[in-house]
Structure formats: structure tokens, C-alpha cells
Amino acid sequence: QVQLVETGGGLVQAGGSLRLSCAASGRLFDSYVMGWFRQAPGKEREFVAAITGRGSSTDYADSVKGRFTISRDNAKNRVALQMNTLKPEDTAIYYCAADLRWPVRTTWGRYWGQGTQVTVSS
């Protein structure tokens, strides 16, 4: 069992930055692929970024490539999402998720956090 808690959301102006963090409890954190997803009002949840257990591989949605960076600290059981050059269309609830599978696929995500709101004003 893995429990995930996201922090770091908030309100930021377009062009600004935010750093989301996800704290994981449970064993064998470095066995899990960690991912970030987001869901905007009236839209389906979408993939944002993912990182393998030891951090050797990452994957990003095209919409965030070059602006967002996913990283993890296995010693602290944490994964982070650094978001730069934020746009109003990045406004969404951001969720942290964990799964043993790579790459991320449609049915991916065994464990989920409760989400944190990110709002980007224009």
C-alpha cells in the first residue's frame, strides 16, 4: 500500500513558476514509477510527466516539454514537478500517482493522491 500526498499548488501569474511535491509513504518507493497527471474543469484527466524508479528515464506530455521537469528523491520518498513558464491552460488539479509499470499507459495508476490545485492567471 502506498499513500501519496501532494503539496505546493497555488495561484501564480502567467510566466511564473511553481514546484509541486508528492510525499509517499510505504515500502519500496524506488520500485515505483511515479507520475503526475492533471484534470482541468470539464476535461478528462491527462498525463503530464513520469519518472522511473531510479530516475533513469522520464517522459513528458508534449504540452509541457521544455517547461516542466519531474524529479525524485528516493532517500526522502518524494517526487517533484518543477513547472516553469506557466500558462493559463496549465490550470488544473494536479495529481501524483504511482504504479509498477513503464511506460505510462491509459490504465496506469495503482495509487493516487488527493490532488493539489494550480491556478494560472493571465
N, C-alpha and C. Protein backbone atom coordinates (compact mmCIF):
# COMPACT_ATOMS: atom_id res chain seq x y z
N GLN A 1 0.85 -1.18 0.00
CA GLN A 1 0.00 0.00 0.00
C GLN A 1 0.89 1.25 0.00
N VAL A 2 0.57 2.19 -0.86
CA VAL A 2 1.31 3.45 -0.97
C VAL A 2 0.32 4.59 -0.80
N GLN A 3 0.65 5.50 0.09
CA GLN A 3 -0.17 6.71 0.25
C GLN A 3 0.60 7.90 -0.29
N LEU A 4 -0.09 8.76 -1.01
CA LEU A 4 0.54 9.89 -1.68
C LEU A 4 -0.13 11.18 -1.25
N VAL A 5 0.67 12.19 -0.93
CA VAL A 5 0.15 13.49 -0.54
C VAL A 5 0.87 14.57 -1.32
N GLU A 6 0.10 15.34 -2.09
CA GLU A 6 0.66 16.43 -2.90
C GLU A 6 0.62 17.75 -2.14
N THR A 7 1.62 18.56 -2.35
CA THR A 7 1.65 19.92 -1.82
C THR A 7 2.28 20.83 -2.86
N GLY A 8 2.10 22.14 -2.64
CA GLY A 8 2.78 23.10 -3.48
C GLY A 8 1.92 23.82 -4.49
N GLY A 9 0.67 23.47 -4.59
CA GLY A 9 -0.20 24.18 -5.52
C GLY A 9 -0.47 25.60 -5.07
N GLY A 10 -1.10 26.37 -5.95
CA GLY A 10 -1.43 27.74 -5.60
C GLY A 10 -1.80 28.55 -6.81
N LEU A 11 -1.82 29.86 -6.61
CA LEU A 11 -2.16 30.81 -7.67
C LEU A 11 -0.89 31.52 -8.13
N VAL A 12 -0.69 31.57 -9.43
CA VAL A 12 0.51 32.20 -9.98
C VAL A 12 0.13 32.90 -11.28
N GLN A 13 0.85 33.95 -11.59
CA GLN A 13 0.61 34.65 -12.85
C GLN A 13 1.26 33.90 -14.01
N ALA A 14 0.71 34.11 -15.19
CA ALA A 14 1.28 33.52 -16.38
C ALA A 14 2.75 33.90 -16.50
N GLY A 15 3.57 32.92 -16.87
CA GLY A 15 5.01 33.14 -16.96
C GLY A 15 5.75 32.80 -15.69
N GLY A 16 5.02 32.58 -14.62
CA GLY A 16 5.62 32.27 -13.34
C GLY A 16 5.94 30.79 -13.18
N SER A 17 6.38 30.44 -11.97
CA SER A 17 6.79 29.07 -11.68
C SER A 17 6.14 28.57 -10.39
N LEU A 18 5.98 27.26 -10.34
CA LEU A 18 5.54 26.58 -9.12
C LEU A 18 6.27 25.26 -9.05
N ARG A 19 6.44 24.79 -7.83
CA ARG A 19 7.06 23.47 -7.63
C ARG A 19 6.10 22.62 -6.81
N LEU A 20 5.63 21.54 -7.39
CA LEU A 20 4.78 20.60 -6.68
C LEU A 20 5.63 19.49 -6.08
N SER A 21 5.19 19.02 -4.94
CA SER A 21 5.88 17.93 -4.29
C SER A 21 4.88 16.85 -3.91
N CYS A 22 5.32 15.62 -3.95
CA CYS A 22 4.47 14.49 -3.59
C CYS A 22 5.26 13.62 -2.60
N ALA A 23 4.71 13.47 -1.42
CA ALA A 23 5.33 12.63 -0.40
C ALA A 23 4.66 11.27 -0.39
N ALA A 24 5.46 10.23 -0.41
CA ALA A 24 4.94 8.87 -0.45
C ALA A 24 5.27 8.13 0.83
N SER A 25 4.30 7.40 1.32
CA SER A 25 4.54 6.52 2.45
C SER A 25 4.40 5.09 1.97
N GLY A 26 5.06 4.20 2.66
CA GLY A 26 5.03 2.81 2.23
C GLY A 26 6.43 2.35 1.87
N ARG A 27 6.51 1.08 1.61
CA ARG A 27 7.82 0.48 1.36
C ARG A 27 8.15 0.46 -0.13
N LEU A 28 9.42 0.28 -0.39
CA LEU A 28 9.92 0.05 -1.75
C LEU A 28 9.55 1.19 -2.70
N PHE A 29 9.69 2.42 -2.23
CA PHE A 29 9.35 3.58 -3.07
C PHE A 29 10.11 3.54 -4.39
N ASP A 30 11.36 3.14 -4.35
CA ASP A 30 12.16 3.18 -5.58
C ASP A 30 11.78 2.07 -6.57
N SER A 31 10.83 1.24 -6.20
CA SER A 31 10.31 0.25 -7.14
C SER A 31 9.22 0.82 -8.03
N TYR A 32 8.67 1.94 -7.62
CA TYR A 32 7.51 2.51 -8.31
C TYR A 32 7.88 3.57 -9.32
N VAL A 33 7.26 3.47 -10.48
CA VAL A 33 7.24 4.59 -11.42
C VAL A 33 6.30 5.63 -10.83
N MET A 34 6.73 6.87 -10.83
CA MET A 34 5.92 7.96 -10.30
C MET A 34 5.50 8.88 -11.43
N GLY A 35 4.26 9.32 -11.36
CA GLY A 35 3.74 10.17 -12.42
C GLY A 35 2.94 11.33 -11.88
N TRP A 36 2.80 12.35 -12.73
CA TRP A 36 1.93 13.48 -12.46
C TRP A 36 0.88 13.55 -13.56
N PHE A 37 -0.34 13.75 -13.15
CA PHE A 37 -1.47 13.93 -14.06
C PHE A 37 -2.19 15.21 -13.67
N ARG A 38 -3.05 15.69 -14.55
CA ARG A 38 -3.84 16.87 -14.21
C ARG A 38 -5.23 16.77 -14.82
N GLN A 39 -6.14 17.46 -14.18
CA GLN A 39 -7.52 17.49 -14.68
C GLN A 39 -8.06 18.90 -14.57
N ALA A 40 -8.37 19.48 -15.71
CA ALA A 40 -8.95 20.82 -15.76
C ALA A 40 -10.47 20.71 -15.71
N PRO A 41 -11.16 21.77 -15.30
CA PRO A 41 -12.62 21.72 -15.24
C PRO A 41 -13.24 21.34 -16.57
N GLY A 42 -14.12 20.37 -16.55
CA GLY A 42 -14.82 19.95 -17.75
C GLY A 42 -14.01 19.10 -18.70
N LYS A 43 -12.80 18.73 -18.28
CA LYS A 43 -11.94 17.92 -19.16
C LYS A 43 -11.54 16.63 -18.47
N GLU A 44 -11.09 15.69 -19.27
CA GLU A 44 -10.63 14.42 -18.72
C GLU A 44 -9.23 14.59 -18.12
N ARG A 45 -8.93 13.71 -17.19
CA ARG A 45 -7.59 13.73 -16.61
C ARG A 45 -6.57 13.37 -17.69
N GLU A 46 -5.43 14.06 -17.68
CA GLU A 46 -4.42 13.82 -18.69
C GLU A 46 -3.05 13.63 -18.06
N PHE A 47 -2.23 12.90 -18.75
CA PHE A 47 -0.85 12.64 -18.33
C PHE A 47 -0.03 13.91 -18.47
N VAL A 48 0.87 14.13 -17.48
CA VAL A 48 1.78 15.28 -17.52
C VAL A 48 3.23 14.82 -17.62
N ALA A 49 3.66 13.98 -16.69
CA ALA A 49 5.06 13.56 -16.65
C ALA A 49 5.18 12.30 -15.81
N ALA A 50 6.26 11.55 -16.06
CA ALA A 50 6.52 10.34 -15.28
C ALA A 50 8.02 10.10 -15.20
N ILE A 51 8.41 9.35 -14.18
CA ILE A 51 9.82 9.05 -13.96
C ILE A 51 9.95 7.64 -13.43
N THR A 52 10.94 6.90 -13.91
CA THR A 52 11.14 5.53 -13.47
C THR A 52 11.68 5.48 -12.05
N GLY A 53 11.73 4.28 -11.50
CA GLY A 53 12.04 4.09 -10.09
C GLY A 53 13.35 4.70 -9.63
N ARG A 54 14.37 4.56 -10.46
CA ARG A 54 15.68 5.10 -10.08
C ARG A 54 15.97 6.41 -10.79
N GLY A 55 14.96 6.92 -11.50
CA GLY A 55 15.13 8.21 -12.15
C GLY A 55 15.89 8.19 -13.44
N SER A 56 16.11 7.02 -14.01
CA SER A 56 16.94 6.94 -15.22
C SER A 56 16.19 7.35 -16.48
N SER A 57 14.87 7.29 -16.43
CA SER A 57 14.07 7.67 -17.59
C SER A 57 12.92 8.56 -17.16
N THR A 58 12.59 9.49 -18.04
CA THR A 58 11.45 10.37 -17.82
C THR A 58 10.62 10.45 -19.10
N ASP A 59 9.40 10.88 -18.94
CA ASP A 59 8.51 11.06 -20.08
C ASP A 59 7.63 12.27 -19.79
N TYR A 60 7.30 13.02 -20.83
CA TYR A 60 6.50 14.22 -20.67
C TYR A 60 5.44 14.31 -21.75
N ALA A 61 4.33 14.92 -21.39
CA ALA A 61 3.34 15.27 -22.40
C ALA A 61 3.93 16.37 -23.28
N ASP A 62 3.56 16.37 -24.54
CA ASP A 62 4.09 17.38 -25.46
C ASP A 62 3.79 18.79 -24.99
N SER A 63 2.66 18.97 -24.33
CA SER A 63 2.24 20.30 -23.92
C SER A 63 3.12 20.91 -22.83
N VAL A 64 3.91 20.09 -22.14
CA VAL A 64 4.73 20.61 -21.05
C VAL A 64 6.23 20.43 -21.29
N LYS A 65 6.61 19.77 -22.37
CA LYS A 65 8.03 19.56 -22.65
C LYS A 65 8.77 20.88 -22.73
N GLY A 66 9.91 20.92 -22.07
CA GLY A 66 10.72 22.13 -22.07
C GLY A 66 10.32 23.13 -21.00
N ARG A 67 9.16 22.92 -20.36
CA ARG A 67 8.71 23.83 -19.30
C ARG A 67 8.65 23.15 -17.94
N PHE A 68 8.29 21.88 -17.92
CA PHE A 68 8.15 21.13 -16.67
C PHE A 68 9.29 20.13 -16.54
N THR A 69 9.70 19.87 -15.29
CA THR A 69 10.72 18.88 -15.02
C THR A 69 10.29 18.02 -13.84
N ILE A 70 10.29 16.71 -14.04
CA ILE A 70 9.97 15.78 -12.95
C ILE A 70 11.27 15.25 -12.37
N SER A 71 11.29 15.08 -11.06
CA SER A 71 12.47 14.55 -10.39
C SER A 71 12.02 13.77 -9.16
N ARG A 72 12.93 12.99 -8.60
CA ARG A 72 12.58 12.23 -7.41
C ARG A 72 13.78 12.13 -6.48
N ASP A 73 13.48 11.98 -5.20
CA ASP A 73 14.50 11.78 -4.18
C ASP A 73 14.09 10.52 -3.42
N ASN A 74 14.68 9.41 -3.76
CA ASN A 74 14.27 8.14 -3.16
C ASN A 74 14.63 8.05 -1.69
N ALA A 75 15.64 8.77 -1.27
CA ALA A 75 16.01 8.76 0.14
C ALA A 75 14.93 9.42 1.00
N LYS A 76 14.17 10.34 0.39
CA LYS A 76 13.12 11.05 1.11
C LYS A 76 11.73 10.62 0.70
N ASN A 77 11.63 9.65 -0.18
CA ASN A 77 10.33 9.17 -0.68
C ASN A 77 9.50 10.32 -1.25
N ARG A 78 10.13 11.11 -2.08
CA ARG A 78 9.44 12.27 -2.66
C ARG A 78 9.67 12.35 -4.16
N VAL A 79 8.67 12.88 -4.84
CA VAL A 79 8.79 13.20 -6.25
C VAL A 79 8.30 14.63 -6.43
N ALA A 80 8.95 15.36 -7.31
CA ALA A 80 8.63 16.76 -7.51
C ALA A 80 8.33 17.05 -8.97
N LEU A 81 7.56 18.10 -9.18
CA LEU A 81 7.30 18.60 -10.53
C LEU A 81 7.58 20.10 -10.53
N GLN A 82 8.68 20.48 -11.16
CA GLN A 82 9.02 21.89 -11.31
C GLN A 82 8.34 22.42 -12.56
N MET A 83 7.51 23.43 -12.39
CA MET A 83 6.74 23.97 -13.50
C MET A 83 7.16 25.40 -13.76
N ASN A 84 7.71 25.65 -14.93
CA ASN A 84 8.17 26.98 -15.31
C ASN A 84 7.36 27.50 -16.49
N THR A 85 7.44 28.79 -16.69
CA THR A 85 6.74 29.43 -17.81
C THR A 85 5.29 28.96 -17.87
N LEU A 86 4.63 29.07 -16.76
CA LEU A 86 3.25 28.57 -16.67
C LEU A 86 2.30 29.39 -17.54
N LYS A 87 1.30 28.70 -18.06
CA LYS A 87 0.30 29.30 -18.93
C LYS A 87 -1.09 29.11 -18.30
N PRO A 88 -2.05 29.95 -18.65
CA PRO A 88 -3.40 29.77 -18.11
C PRO A 88 -3.96 28.38 -18.39
N GLU A 89 -3.59 27.79 -19.51
CA GLU A 89 -4.09 26.45 -19.84
C GLU A 89 -3.46 25.36 -18.97
N ASP A 90 -2.51 25.70 -18.13
CA ASP A 90 -1.97 24.73 -17.16
C ASP A 90 -2.84 24.65 -15.91
N THR A 91 -3.83 25.51 -15.81
CA THR A 91 -4.72 25.49 -14.66
C THR A 91 -5.44 24.16 -14.56
N ALA A 92 -5.33 23.52 -13.42
CA ALA A 92 -5.93 22.20 -13.23
C ALA A 92 -5.66 21.73 -11.80
N ILE A 93 -6.30 20.63 -11.46
CA ILE A 93 -5.91 19.90 -10.25
C ILE A 93 -4.82 18.92 -10.68
N TYR A 94 -3.72 18.94 -9.96
CA TYR A 94 -2.59 18.08 -10.30
C TYR A 94 -2.53 16.92 -9.30
N TYR A 95 -2.41 15.72 -9.86
CA TYR A 95 -2.39 14.50 -9.06
C TYR A 95 -1.06 13.78 -9.21
N CYS A 96 -0.61 13.26 -8.11
CA CYS A 96 0.55 12.38 -8.08
C CYS A 96 0.04 10.94 -8.11
N ALA A 97 0.76 10.07 -8.81
CA ALA A 97 0.32 8.68 -8.91
C ALA A 97 1.53 7.75 -8.94
N ALA A 98 1.29 6.51 -8.58
CA ALA A 98 2.35 5.50 -8.55
C ALA A 98 1.87 4.21 -9.17
N ASP A 99 2.78 3.55 -9.86
CA ASP A 99 2.46 2.27 -10.50
C ASP A 99 3.78 1.53 -10.71
N LEU A 100 3.70 0.24 -10.90
CA LEU A 100 4.92 -0.53 -11.15
C LEU A 100 5.27 -0.61 -12.63
N ARG A 101 4.38 -0.14 -13.49
CA ARG A 101 4.56 -0.32 -14.93
C ARG A 101 5.18 0.89 -15.60
N TRP A 102 5.96 0.60 -16.62
CA TRP A 102 6.56 1.61 -17.51
C TRP A 102 6.48 1.06 -18.92
N PRO A 103 6.10 1.89 -19.88
CA PRO A 103 5.75 3.30 -19.75
C PRO A 103 4.33 3.51 -19.24
N VAL A 104 3.97 4.76 -19.05
CA VAL A 104 2.62 5.09 -18.64
C VAL A 104 1.66 4.75 -19.78
N ARG A 105 0.52 4.19 -19.41
CA ARG A 105 -0.48 3.84 -20.41
C ARG A 105 -1.85 4.30 -19.93
N THR A 106 -2.84 4.08 -20.71
CA THR A 106 -4.17 4.61 -20.42
C THR A 106 -4.68 4.17 -19.06
N THR A 107 -4.46 2.91 -18.69
CA THR A 107 -4.99 2.38 -17.44
C THR A 107 -4.00 2.50 -16.29
N TRP A 108 -2.99 3.29 -16.46
CA TRP A 108 -1.91 3.41 -15.49
C TRP A 108 -2.36 4.12 -14.23
N GLY A 109 -1.74 3.74 -13.10
CA GLY A 109 -2.01 4.44 -11.85
C GLY A 109 -2.65 3.56 -10.81
N ARG A 110 -1.83 2.88 -10.03
CA ARG A 110 -2.36 2.00 -8.99
C ARG A 110 -2.72 2.78 -7.74
N TYR A 111 -1.93 3.81 -7.43
CA TYR A 111 -2.19 4.63 -6.25
C TYR A 111 -2.23 6.09 -6.67
N TRP A 112 -3.12 6.85 -6.02
CA TRP A 112 -3.31 8.26 -6.37
C TRP A 112 -3.36 9.12 -5.12
N GLY A 113 -2.86 10.33 -5.26
CA GLY A 113 -3.01 11.31 -4.21
C GLY A 113 -4.34 12.03 -4.33
N GLN A 114 -4.57 12.96 -3.44
CA GLN A 114 -5.86 13.67 -3.41
C GLN A 114 -5.87 14.88 -4.34
N GLY A 115 -4.71 15.28 -4.82
CA GLY A 115 -4.64 16.39 -5.77
C GLY A 115 -4.34 17.72 -5.12
N THR A 116 -3.76 18.62 -5.89
CA THR A 116 -3.49 19.98 -5.44
C THR A 116 -3.82 20.93 -6.59
N GLN A 117 -4.48 22.03 -6.25
CA GLN A 117 -4.96 22.96 -7.27
C GLN A 117 -3.85 23.90 -7.72
N VAL A 118 -3.72 24.02 -9.03
CA VAL A 118 -2.82 25.01 -9.63
C VAL A 118 -3.66 25.93 -10.49
N THR A 119 -3.57 27.22 -10.23
CA THR A 119 -4.32 28.21 -11.00
C THR A 119 -3.35 29.24 -11.56
N VAL A 120 -3.39 29.40 -12.88
CA VAL A 120 -2.50 30.34 -13.55
C VAL A 120 -3.36 31.47 -14.13
N SER A 121 -3.12 32.67 -13.66
CA SER A 121 -3.91 33.81 -14.12
C SER A 121 -3.22 34.48 -15.31
N SER A 122 -4.02 35.03 -16.19
CA SER A 122 -3.47 35.68 -17.39
C SER A 122 -3.19 37.14 -17.14
